[in-house]
Amino acid sequence: MAGRAPSSVAVVVPCLSGAGAQRVAETLAREFARSTRVTVVTVEPRLTRAELAGLDELPWADRIPPGCRHVHLPSTGSGLRRFGQVVARFSALARRERFDAVYSFLTWTNVVVSAARAAGGGYLHVASEHAMAESLRSDGAGLSLLARTLPVVYRRPDRIVVVSDAAARSLGEEGLLPHPERVVTIPNPVDAAEVQRLAGATADPGAPRTAGERVLMCVARLHAQKDHLTLLRALRALPDRFVLRLVGEGPLRPELETAVAGMGLTGRVTFTGQLANPYPLMREADVVVLPSREEGFGLVAVEAAVLGVPFVGSATGGLAEVCAALGHRTFLPGDAEALATAIEEAAASPVPAGTAELAAALFDPAEVAARYLALAGGG
């Protein structure tokens, strides 16, 4: 493989229903398909053969990029049984298709592909890890257990892509990257033209805006890592004209709904749930906020920039790096007073000219994809 681009690659991801790493995988598959044969492989563990049989098409079928083949690997049971089935089925697929390179995204699929390769796969493996070590060790028992295997599992990939220098430090300090010479930092791609196109759609009529309102928007899974409670405390400190739209779903929703009522914020906070296209609402927001306790990257910081919307993010992990590159305001994680001040300042200040163009250039999908492909060509 050294010195030549791969002619056939697989992009392996749990599914394409979500944002974050799933959208990154989708964007890269689209770019890869311009120069090589691409098979998008999904292994969503919650869909069994019986459930698949009842579907006319997979929930993410419309997100398979043009020119890409799609293969879904079903499984049954749970735990090691399900894991073994997916490993065996991917091994068989890889032998049949003779992939030159396999790009896997997110921890679970990285482990699957590494295990399949150990069983005799002849492909070059590039694993893309998007999380900070803190997230891997704290995000539920299943992921925490997987994290314990990474010092062994991450000995196997030929290259490991991390999405920020902060993520590389975090994972390295925890001993999760046993071969630092194989680790390379490549930022996530953001398709600025696609984000702007999607933002041109009609906004959800269920979220009306009244005169004088200043609309804040947070697009993030409702999970403790994202620290919505600090955002709610900041909102309570802001004038009543500031309202908040929380876009996303997650296990923390009941607690957040209780907190909204307890803080006297009923009527100022809207839970929109998960939106397939949040960009029309993002385009109309006065400030987009991401108050995470830790963050490997923070795609929404780039997306806000390409839409010309002010952004405020916590000064943590890769998010701090993205904010520094784009000139976004930041605050110390957990500091509600500082967050409120930053929001007021951002709402009163237009985004500097050229920010959208800068974001598009720094996170250009074609450039990011070329760096990924170069790893499979010996780069």
Foldseek 3Di string as FASTA:
>chain_A
DAQDFWAEEEEEEQALQDDDQSVLSLLLQQLVLVHHAYEYEHENAVQAPVNVVPDPDDPCVVSRHPRHHYDYQHADDDDPRRLVSLLVVVLVVCVVVVGQEYEYEELSRLLSVLVSVVVPRPHAYEYEYEDFLVCQCPVDPVSNVSQVCQLPSLVRHQAYEAAAPLSVVRCVVVNNNVDNVRYDHFHGFDQLVVLVVLLPDDDDPVDDADPQAAEEEEEDALDVQQPVVLVLLLVLVDDLSYAYEYEEYYDCVVVVVVVCVVSVNVVRYHYPYHDSRCNNVLLVHQEYEGQGPAGRACVVLLSSQLSQHAYEYACHHNPVVSCVQLVHHYDHRPPSNVVNVSSVVSSVDGRDPPSSVSSCVSRPSNVSSVVVSNVSNND
